[in-house]
Amino acid sequence: MSLTVPPIALPTTDLRALVERYAQAPGRWQHLVPGGSPAQRWYERLHRDDEVEVWLLGWGPTHHTELHDHGRSRGAFRVVEGALTEVRVADDGRQVRRRVGPGQAVTIERGDLHDVANRAGGDALSIHAYSPPLTEMTYFEVTDVGPRAVRTLAVDGPDDER
C-alpha cells in the first residue's frame, strides 16, 4: 500500500511577498498584456513549480469570477493596474465587499469563498499566486442557509471557465 503525502502550501505571507515581487518587476510580464480591452477575462502563467504557481490576469470592465474556493491551495493576489472588487463570504454567511486598488494585495486561505470582479470601469491587471498549484476549484451559490457547492472542476489555471 502506498501513501500519498499531500503537498505543503506556502504560508499566505510568502504568497503575498511573491505577488509583490512580481508586481515590482513588470519586465517579467508586461509584454504578455494584449492591446485593447479583451472580450473575455484572460490569464497567462508566469511561473510554476511543485510548490507554487504565479499568474497574470487581465480583467475587462465587466469581467468577474463566480463565488469559488481554491481547493487545497492558499492564494494571494495584487492589483497592478485598475481596481477589482472582492466579495468574500464571512463565517457567519454575510457577504463582505471590498475594493482592491492598485498596489493592494489580498490573501486567501484554504476554505475561503470569494468572487472577484472588475466593477471600476476600465481594464485591470492582477498577479495571483497559489500554493500548492491549483488543481481544483469548487463554485458555490448563496442560499438562505448559506453557500451551497454547485460544481467542482479540475483546473489548470485560475479559472478554467474562460
N, C-alpha and C. Protein backbone atom coordinates (compact mmCIF):
# COMPACT_ATOMS: atom_id res chain seq x y z
N MET A 1 0.85 -1.18 0.00
CA MET A 1 0.00 0.00 0.00
C MET A 1 0.89 1.24 0.00
N SER A 2 0.61 2.18 -0.92
CA SER A 2 1.39 3.41 -0.95
C SER A 2 0.54 4.55 -0.40
N LEU A 3 1.19 5.43 0.30
CA LEU A 3 0.51 6.60 0.85
C LEU A 3 0.92 7.82 0.05
N THR A 4 -0.04 8.65 -0.26
CA THR A 4 0.24 9.90 -0.95
C THR A 4 0.30 11.01 0.09
N VAL A 5 1.41 11.70 0.13
CA VAL A 5 1.57 12.81 1.06
C VAL A 5 1.06 14.07 0.39
N PRO A 6 0.09 14.75 1.00
CA PRO A 6 -0.42 15.96 0.37
C PRO A 6 0.66 17.05 0.32
N PRO A 7 0.66 17.84 -0.74
CA PRO A 7 1.66 18.90 -0.84
C PRO A 7 1.46 19.93 0.27
N ILE A 8 2.55 20.51 0.67
CA ILE A 8 2.51 21.54 1.70
C ILE A 8 2.33 22.89 1.02
N ALA A 9 1.40 23.67 1.52
CA ALA A 9 1.15 25.01 0.96
C ALA A 9 2.05 26.03 1.65
N LEU A 10 2.61 26.92 0.85
CA LEU A 10 3.36 28.04 1.43
C LEU A 10 2.42 28.90 2.26
N PRO A 11 2.93 29.56 3.29
CA PRO A 11 2.08 30.49 4.06
C PRO A 11 1.63 31.67 3.19
N THR A 12 0.48 32.23 3.52
CA THR A 12 -0.03 33.36 2.74
C THR A 12 0.91 34.56 2.80
N THR A 13 1.69 34.70 3.87
CA THR A 13 2.66 35.81 3.93
C THR A 13 3.69 35.66 2.81
N ASP A 14 4.12 34.43 2.55
CA ASP A 14 5.08 34.19 1.46
C ASP A 14 4.43 34.44 0.10
N LEU A 15 3.17 34.03 -0.05
CA LEU A 15 2.48 34.25 -1.32
C LEU A 15 2.28 35.74 -1.58
N ARG A 16 1.94 36.48 -0.53
CA ARG A 16 1.79 37.93 -0.67
C ARG A 16 3.12 38.56 -1.10
N ALA A 17 4.21 38.16 -0.46
CA ALA A 17 5.53 38.69 -0.83
C ALA A 17 5.87 38.34 -2.28
N LEU A 18 5.48 37.15 -2.71
CA LEU A 18 5.76 36.73 -4.08
C LEU A 18 5.01 37.59 -5.10
N VAL A 19 3.72 37.83 -4.88
CA VAL A 19 2.98 38.67 -5.84
C VAL A 19 3.51 40.10 -5.81
N GLU A 20 3.97 40.56 -4.66
CA GLU A 20 4.58 41.90 -4.58
C GLU A 20 5.85 41.95 -5.43
N ARG A 21 6.69 40.92 -5.33
CA ARG A 21 7.93 40.89 -6.12
C ARG A 21 7.62 40.89 -7.62
N TYR A 22 6.66 40.09 -8.04
CA TYR A 22 6.29 40.08 -9.45
C TYR A 22 5.74 41.44 -9.89
N ALA A 23 4.92 42.05 -9.05
CA ALA A 23 4.35 43.36 -9.41
C ALA A 23 5.44 44.41 -9.59
N GLN A 24 6.50 44.29 -8.83
CA GLN A 24 7.61 45.25 -8.91
C GLN A 24 8.55 44.98 -10.08
N ALA A 25 8.28 43.91 -10.84
CA ALA A 25 9.15 43.55 -11.97
C ALA A 25 8.32 43.41 -13.25
N PRO A 26 7.73 44.53 -13.73
CA PRO A 26 6.87 44.42 -14.92
C PRO A 26 7.59 43.91 -16.16
N GLY A 27 8.90 43.96 -16.20
CA GLY A 27 9.64 43.42 -17.33
C GLY A 27 9.43 41.92 -17.49
N ARG A 28 8.99 41.25 -16.43
CA ARG A 28 8.74 39.81 -16.49
C ARG A 28 7.38 39.48 -17.09
N TRP A 29 6.47 40.46 -17.18
CA TRP A 29 5.11 40.13 -17.61
C TRP A 29 4.45 41.17 -18.51
N GLN A 30 4.93 42.39 -18.55
CA GLN A 30 4.26 43.46 -19.31
C GLN A 30 4.09 43.11 -20.78
N HIS A 31 5.04 42.39 -21.36
CA HIS A 31 4.96 42.01 -22.78
C HIS A 31 3.82 41.03 -23.06
N LEU A 32 3.23 40.43 -22.03
CA LEU A 32 2.13 39.48 -22.21
C LEU A 32 0.76 40.14 -22.27
N VAL A 33 0.70 41.42 -21.94
CA VAL A 33 -0.58 42.14 -21.88
C VAL A 33 -1.02 42.48 -23.30
N PRO A 34 -2.19 41.97 -23.73
CA PRO A 34 -2.66 42.27 -25.08
C PRO A 34 -3.16 43.72 -25.17
N GLY A 35 -3.16 44.26 -26.36
CA GLY A 35 -3.68 45.61 -26.57
C GLY A 35 -5.20 45.59 -26.61
N GLY A 36 -5.81 46.72 -26.27
CA GLY A 36 -7.27 46.83 -26.32
C GLY A 36 -7.93 46.14 -25.15
N SER A 37 -9.21 46.37 -25.00
CA SER A 37 -9.98 45.76 -23.93
C SER A 37 -10.43 44.37 -24.37
N PRO A 38 -10.04 43.33 -23.65
CA PRO A 38 -10.40 41.98 -24.08
C PRO A 38 -11.88 41.68 -23.91
N ALA A 39 -12.39 40.81 -24.76
CA ALA A 39 -13.79 40.41 -24.66
C ALA A 39 -14.00 39.44 -23.50
N GLN A 40 -12.96 38.74 -23.12
CA GLN A 40 -13.03 37.80 -22.01
C GLN A 40 -11.91 38.09 -21.03
N ARG A 41 -12.10 37.64 -19.81
CA ARG A 41 -11.01 37.70 -18.84
C ARG A 41 -9.93 36.76 -19.36
N TRP A 42 -8.68 37.17 -19.28
CA TRP A 42 -7.59 36.36 -19.80
C TRP A 42 -6.55 36.15 -18.70
N TYR A 43 -5.72 35.14 -18.91
CA TYR A 43 -4.65 34.89 -17.96
C TYR A 43 -3.49 34.18 -18.62
N GLU A 44 -2.31 34.42 -18.06
CA GLU A 44 -1.07 33.80 -18.53
C GLU A 44 -0.28 33.32 -17.31
N ARG A 45 0.18 32.08 -17.37
CA ARG A 45 1.02 31.56 -16.28
C ARG A 45 2.41 32.19 -16.40
N LEU A 46 2.91 32.70 -15.29
CA LEU A 46 4.24 33.30 -15.24
C LEU A 46 5.28 32.35 -14.65
N HIS A 47 4.83 31.44 -13.78
CA HIS A 47 5.76 30.52 -13.13
C HIS A 47 4.98 29.34 -12.56
N ARG A 48 5.60 28.18 -12.56
CA ARG A 48 5.03 27.01 -11.88
C ARG A 48 6.15 26.07 -11.49
N ASP A 49 6.11 25.60 -10.25
CA ASP A 49 6.95 24.50 -9.79
C ASP A 49 6.10 23.65 -8.85
N ASP A 50 6.71 22.75 -8.12
CA ASP A 50 5.93 21.85 -7.26
C ASP A 50 5.26 22.57 -6.09
N GLU A 51 5.79 23.73 -5.70
CA GLU A 51 5.26 24.45 -4.53
C GLU A 51 4.27 25.55 -4.85
N VAL A 52 4.47 26.22 -5.98
CA VAL A 52 3.72 27.45 -6.22
C VAL A 52 3.56 27.71 -7.72
N GLU A 53 2.49 28.43 -8.05
CA GLU A 53 2.35 28.94 -9.41
C GLU A 53 1.93 30.40 -9.32
N VAL A 54 2.30 31.15 -10.37
CA VAL A 54 2.02 32.59 -10.43
C VAL A 54 1.37 32.88 -11.78
N TRP A 55 0.31 33.69 -11.74
CA TRP A 55 -0.47 34.03 -12.93
C TRP A 55 -0.64 35.53 -13.05
N LEU A 56 -0.70 35.99 -14.28
CA LEU A 56 -1.09 37.36 -14.62
C LEU A 56 -2.50 37.28 -15.17
N LEU A 57 -3.43 38.06 -14.60
CA LEU A 57 -4.82 38.06 -15.06
C LEU A 57 -5.20 39.43 -15.58
N GLY A 58 -5.93 39.45 -16.69
CA GLY A 58 -6.46 40.67 -17.26
C GLY A 58 -7.97 40.67 -17.14
N TRP A 59 -8.51 41.81 -16.75
CA TRP A 59 -9.95 41.95 -16.50
C TRP A 59 -10.49 43.12 -17.30
N GLY A 60 -11.48 42.86 -18.16
CA GLY A 60 -12.21 43.93 -18.82
C GLY A 60 -13.21 44.54 -17.85
N PRO A 61 -13.92 45.58 -18.28
CA PRO A 61 -14.79 46.34 -17.37
C PRO A 61 -15.90 45.56 -16.68
N THR A 62 -16.33 44.43 -17.19
CA THR A 62 -17.42 43.71 -16.52
C THR A 62 -17.04 42.26 -16.18
N HIS A 63 -15.78 41.93 -16.30
CA HIS A 63 -15.35 40.56 -16.06
C HIS A 63 -15.39 40.22 -14.58
N HIS A 64 -15.73 38.96 -14.29
CA HIS A 64 -15.77 38.51 -12.90
C HIS A 64 -15.63 37.00 -12.85
N THR A 65 -15.33 36.51 -11.67
CA THR A 65 -15.39 35.08 -11.42
C THR A 65 -16.73 34.83 -10.76
N GLU A 66 -17.03 33.60 -10.50
CA GLU A 66 -18.18 33.26 -9.67
C GLU A 66 -17.64 33.02 -8.26
N LEU A 67 -18.54 32.90 -7.30
CA LEU A 67 -18.15 32.57 -5.94
C LEU A 67 -17.47 31.20 -5.96
N HIS A 68 -16.24 31.12 -5.44
CA HIS A 68 -15.46 29.90 -5.53
C HIS A 68 -14.46 29.79 -4.39
N ASP A 69 -13.90 28.58 -4.25
CA ASP A 69 -12.75 28.39 -3.38
C ASP A 69 -11.58 27.96 -4.26
N HIS A 70 -10.44 27.68 -3.66
CA HIS A 70 -9.26 27.26 -4.42
C HIS A 70 -8.82 25.86 -4.03
N GLY A 71 -9.79 25.02 -3.67
CA GLY A 71 -9.47 23.64 -3.34
C GLY A 71 -8.48 23.57 -2.19
N ARG A 72 -7.42 22.84 -2.38
CA ARG A 72 -6.42 22.66 -1.33
C ARG A 72 -5.36 23.75 -1.32
N SER A 73 -5.51 24.75 -2.17
CA SER A 73 -4.48 25.79 -2.31
C SER A 73 -4.79 27.03 -1.48
N ARG A 74 -3.74 27.67 -1.04
CA ARG A 74 -3.81 29.02 -0.49
C ARG A 74 -3.49 29.97 -1.64
N GLY A 75 -3.81 31.24 -1.47
CA GLY A 75 -3.53 32.17 -2.55
C GLY A 75 -3.29 33.58 -2.08
N ALA A 76 -2.87 34.40 -3.02
CA ALA A 76 -2.73 35.84 -2.82
C ALA A 76 -2.83 36.49 -4.19
N PHE A 77 -3.37 37.70 -4.22
CA PHE A 77 -3.32 38.46 -5.46
C PHE A 77 -3.07 39.92 -5.16
N ARG A 78 -2.47 40.58 -6.14
CA ARG A 78 -2.16 42.01 -6.03
C ARG A 78 -2.63 42.68 -7.31
N VAL A 79 -3.32 43.77 -7.15
CA VAL A 79 -3.75 44.56 -8.30
C VAL A 79 -2.58 45.44 -8.73
N VAL A 80 -2.25 45.39 -10.03
CA VAL A 80 -1.16 46.22 -10.54
C VAL A 80 -1.67 47.36 -11.40
N GLU A 81 -2.91 47.26 -11.86
CA GLU A 81 -3.50 48.30 -12.69
C GLU A 81 -5.01 48.24 -12.55
N GLY A 82 -5.66 49.37 -12.46
CA GLY A 82 -7.11 49.39 -12.31
C GLY A 82 -7.52 49.07 -10.89
N ALA A 83 -8.71 48.52 -10.74
CA ALA A 83 -9.21 48.14 -9.42
C ALA A 83 -10.14 46.95 -9.57
N LEU A 84 -10.18 46.12 -8.55
CA LEU A 84 -11.07 44.97 -8.51
C LEU A 84 -11.92 45.04 -7.26
N THR A 85 -13.04 44.38 -7.29
CA THR A 85 -13.90 44.25 -6.11
C THR A 85 -13.91 42.78 -5.71
N GLU A 86 -13.61 42.54 -4.45
CA GLU A 86 -13.68 41.18 -3.93
C GLU A 86 -14.88 41.09 -3.00
N VAL A 87 -15.68 40.04 -3.18
CA VAL A 87 -16.77 39.73 -2.27
C VAL A 87 -16.41 38.41 -1.62
N ARG A 88 -16.32 38.44 -0.30
CA ARG A 88 -15.95 37.24 0.45
C ARG A 88 -17.10 36.85 1.36
N VAL A 89 -17.31 35.56 1.51
CA VAL A 89 -18.35 35.07 2.41
C VAL A 89 -17.72 34.87 3.78
N ALA A 90 -18.22 35.61 4.78
CA ALA A 90 -17.72 35.51 6.14
C ALA A 90 -18.23 34.23 6.80
N ASP A 91 -17.63 33.89 7.94
CA ASP A 91 -18.03 32.67 8.65
C ASP A 91 -19.51 32.66 9.02
N ASP A 92 -20.08 33.84 9.25
CA ASP A 92 -21.50 33.91 9.62
C ASP A 92 -22.42 33.97 8.40
N GLY A 93 -21.85 33.83 7.20
CA GLY A 93 -22.65 33.81 5.98
C GLY A 93 -22.82 35.17 5.32
N ARG A 94 -22.44 36.25 6.00
CA ARG A 94 -22.54 37.59 5.39
C ARG A 94 -21.56 37.69 4.22
N GLN A 95 -21.94 38.49 3.24
CA GLN A 95 -21.05 38.78 2.12
C GLN A 95 -20.38 40.12 2.38
N VAL A 96 -19.06 40.10 2.42
CA VAL A 96 -18.27 41.29 2.73
C VAL A 96 -17.59 41.73 1.45
N ARG A 97 -17.87 42.97 1.03
CA ARG A 97 -17.34 43.51 -0.22
C ARG A 97 -16.23 44.50 0.09
N ARG A 98 -15.15 44.44 -0.71
CA ARG A 98 -14.08 45.43 -0.57
C ARG A 98 -13.47 45.73 -1.92
N ARG A 99 -13.05 46.96 -2.07
CA ARG A 99 -12.36 47.41 -3.28
C ARG A 99 -10.87 47.16 -3.08
N VAL A 100 -10.24 46.60 -4.11
CA VAL A 100 -8.80 46.35 -4.06
C VAL A 100 -8.18 47.18 -5.19
N GLY A 101 -7.47 48.23 -4.81
CA GLY A 101 -6.91 49.15 -5.79
C GLY A 101 -5.46 48.84 -6.12
N PRO A 102 -4.89 49.63 -7.02
CA PRO A 102 -3.50 49.41 -7.44
C PRO A 102 -2.57 49.41 -6.23
N GLY A 103 -1.70 48.42 -6.18
CA GLY A 103 -0.74 48.31 -5.09
C GLY A 103 -1.26 47.57 -3.87
N GLN A 104 -2.54 47.21 -3.87
CA GLN A 104 -3.09 46.48 -2.73
C GLN A 104 -3.08 44.99 -3.02
N ALA A 105 -2.87 44.21 -1.94
CA ALA A 105 -2.82 42.76 -2.07
C ALA A 105 -3.81 42.12 -1.11
N VAL A 106 -4.27 40.93 -1.48
CA VAL A 106 -5.25 40.16 -0.71
C VAL A 106 -4.70 38.75 -0.56
N THR A 107 -4.91 38.15 0.61
CA THR A 107 -4.53 36.75 0.79
C THR A 107 -5.78 35.89 0.94
N ILE A 108 -5.65 34.63 0.56
CA ILE A 108 -6.78 33.70 0.57
C ILE A 108 -6.33 32.41 1.23
N GLU A 109 -6.98 32.05 2.31
CA GLU A 109 -6.68 30.79 3.00
C GLU A 109 -7.49 29.67 2.38
N ARG A 110 -7.09 28.44 2.64
CA ARG A 110 -7.89 27.29 2.22
C ARG A 110 -9.28 27.43 2.82
N GLY A 111 -10.29 27.15 2.02
CA GLY A 111 -11.66 27.21 2.51
C GLY A 111 -12.32 28.57 2.37
N ASP A 112 -11.55 29.63 2.08
CA ASP A 112 -12.16 30.94 1.86
C ASP A 112 -12.98 30.91 0.58
N LEU A 113 -14.16 31.51 0.61
CA LEU A 113 -15.01 31.63 -0.56
C LEU A 113 -15.01 33.08 -0.99
N HIS A 114 -14.75 33.33 -2.27
CA HIS A 114 -14.78 34.71 -2.75
C HIS A 114 -15.13 34.77 -4.23
N ASP A 115 -15.52 35.97 -4.61
CA ASP A 115 -15.80 36.31 -6.00
C ASP A 115 -14.99 37.57 -6.27
N VAL A 116 -14.38 37.67 -7.42
CA VAL A 116 -13.59 38.84 -7.78
C VAL A 116 -14.16 39.39 -9.08
N ALA A 117 -14.30 40.73 -9.14
CA ALA A 117 -14.89 41.36 -10.32
C ALA A 117 -14.22 42.68 -10.60
N ASN A 118 -14.29 43.08 -11.86
CA ASN A 118 -13.86 44.42 -12.26
C ASN A 118 -15.13 45.25 -12.43
N ARG A 119 -15.42 46.04 -11.42
CA ARG A 119 -16.59 46.92 -11.46
C ARG A 119 -16.19 48.39 -11.56
N ALA A 120 -14.90 48.64 -11.77
CA ALA A 120 -14.38 50.01 -11.71
C ALA A 120 -14.49 50.76 -13.03
N GLY A 121 -14.75 50.07 -14.13
CA GLY A 121 -14.87 50.80 -15.39
C GLY A 121 -13.83 50.42 -16.40
N GLY A 122 -12.57 50.76 -16.19
CA GLY A 122 -11.52 50.46 -17.16
C GLY A 122 -11.01 49.04 -16.99
N ASP A 123 -9.97 48.71 -17.75
CA ASP A 123 -9.35 47.40 -17.62
C ASP A 123 -8.55 47.32 -16.32
N ALA A 124 -8.29 46.11 -15.87
CA ALA A 124 -7.50 45.90 -14.67
C ALA A 124 -6.54 44.75 -14.91
N LEU A 125 -5.42 44.76 -14.19
CA LEU A 125 -4.44 43.69 -14.21
C LEU A 125 -4.16 43.27 -12.78
N SER A 126 -3.98 41.97 -12.58
CA SER A 126 -3.64 41.49 -11.25
C SER A 126 -2.69 40.30 -11.38
N ILE A 127 -1.89 40.10 -10.34
CA ILE A 127 -0.97 38.98 -10.28
C ILE A 127 -1.41 38.09 -9.13
N HIS A 128 -1.54 36.78 -9.41
CA HIS A 128 -2.05 35.81 -8.44
C HIS A 128 -1.02 34.71 -8.22
N ALA A 129 -0.92 34.24 -6.99
CA ALA A 129 -0.05 33.11 -6.66
C ALA A 129 -0.86 32.09 -5.87
N TYR A 130 -0.63 30.81 -6.15
CA TYR A 130 -1.34 29.72 -5.47
C TYR A 130 -0.32 28.67 -5.02
N SER A 131 -0.50 28.18 -3.81
CA SER A 131 0.36 27.13 -3.31
C SER A 131 -0.45 26.16 -2.46
N PRO A 132 -0.32 24.87 -2.76
CA PRO A 132 0.32 24.31 -3.95
C PRO A 132 -0.43 24.77 -5.20
N PRO A 133 0.13 24.53 -6.38
CA PRO A 133 -0.55 24.95 -7.61
C PRO A 133 -2.00 24.43 -7.65
N LEU A 134 -2.86 25.23 -8.26
CA LEU A 134 -4.29 24.88 -8.35
C LEU A 134 -4.49 23.55 -9.07
N THR A 135 -5.38 22.74 -8.52
CA THR A 135 -5.78 21.51 -9.21
C THR A 135 -7.29 21.41 -9.31
N GLU A 136 -8.01 22.08 -8.39
CA GLU A 136 -9.47 22.07 -8.45
C GLU A 136 -10.02 23.33 -7.80
N MET A 137 -11.21 23.67 -8.23
CA MET A 137 -11.95 24.79 -7.65
C MET A 137 -13.40 24.36 -7.53
N THR A 138 -14.02 24.75 -6.43
CA THR A 138 -15.44 24.49 -6.26
C THR A 138 -16.17 25.81 -6.35
N TYR A 139 -17.25 25.83 -7.11
CA TYR A 139 -18.08 27.02 -7.29
C TYR A 139 -19.33 26.87 -6.42
N PHE A 140 -19.81 27.99 -5.90
CA PHE A 140 -20.90 28.00 -4.93
C PHE A 140 -21.99 28.98 -5.35
N GLU A 141 -23.18 28.74 -4.82
CA GLU A 141 -24.25 29.72 -4.90
C GLU A 141 -24.63 30.06 -3.46
N VAL A 142 -25.10 31.28 -3.26
CA VAL A 142 -25.53 31.70 -1.93
C VAL A 142 -27.01 31.39 -1.78
N THR A 143 -27.35 30.68 -0.71
CA THR A 143 -28.75 30.34 -0.43
C THR A 143 -29.14 30.95 0.91
N ASP A 144 -30.39 30.81 1.29
CA ASP A 144 -30.86 31.32 2.57
C ASP A 144 -30.16 30.69 3.76
N VAL A 145 -29.65 29.49 3.58
CA VAL A 145 -28.98 28.80 4.68
C VAL A 145 -27.45 28.82 4.53
N GLY A 146 -26.95 29.59 3.60
CA GLY A 146 -25.51 29.72 3.41
C GLY A 146 -25.08 29.25 2.04
N PRO A 147 -23.76 29.26 1.80
CA PRO A 147 -23.25 28.83 0.49
C PRO A 147 -23.50 27.35 0.25
N ARG A 148 -23.81 27.01 -1.00
CA ARG A 148 -24.02 25.63 -1.39
C ARG A 148 -23.15 25.35 -2.61
N ALA A 149 -22.36 24.27 -2.51
CA ALA A 149 -21.49 23.88 -3.62
C ALA A 149 -22.35 23.51 -4.83
N VAL A 150 -21.98 24.04 -5.99
CA VAL A 150 -22.70 23.78 -7.23
C VAL A 150 -21.94 22.79 -8.09
N ARG A 151 -20.62 22.99 -8.21
CA ARG A 151 -19.81 22.09 -9.02
C ARG A 151 -18.34 22.25 -8.61
N THR A 152 -17.59 21.18 -8.78
CA THR A 152 -16.15 21.19 -8.56
C THR A 152 -15.50 20.79 -9.87
N LEU A 153 -14.51 21.57 -10.27
CA LEU A 153 -13.83 21.33 -11.54
C LEU A 153 -12.35 21.12 -11.34
N ALA A 154 -11.78 20.18 -12.06
CA ALA A 154 -10.33 20.07 -12.14
C ALA A 154 -9.86 21.24 -13.01
N VAL A 155 -8.83 21.93 -12.58
CA VAL A 155 -8.37 23.12 -13.30
C VAL A 155 -6.87 23.09 -13.50
N ASP A 156 -6.45 23.88 -14.47
CA ASP A 156 -5.04 24.11 -14.72
C ASP A 156 -4.85 25.62 -14.90
N GLY A 157 -5.40 26.38 -13.98
CA GLY A 157 -5.32 27.84 -14.06
C GLY A 157 -6.26 28.47 -13.09
N PRO A 158 -6.23 29.80 -13.01
CA PRO A 158 -7.04 30.50 -12.02
C PRO A 158 -8.54 30.36 -12.22
N ASP A 159 -8.96 29.98 -13.40
CA ASP A 159 -10.39 29.78 -13.65
C ASP A 159 -10.50 29.23 -15.06
N ASP A 160 -10.60 27.93 -15.18
CA ASP A 160 -10.62 27.32 -16.50
C ASP A 160 -11.91 27.57 -17.26
N GLU A 161 -12.87 28.23 -16.66
CA GLU A 161 -14.10 28.56 -17.37
C GLU A 161 -13.94 29.93 -18.02
N ARG A 162 -13.01 30.04 -18.89
CA ARG A 162 -12.72 31.32 -19.52
C ARG A 162 -14.00 31.89 -20.01
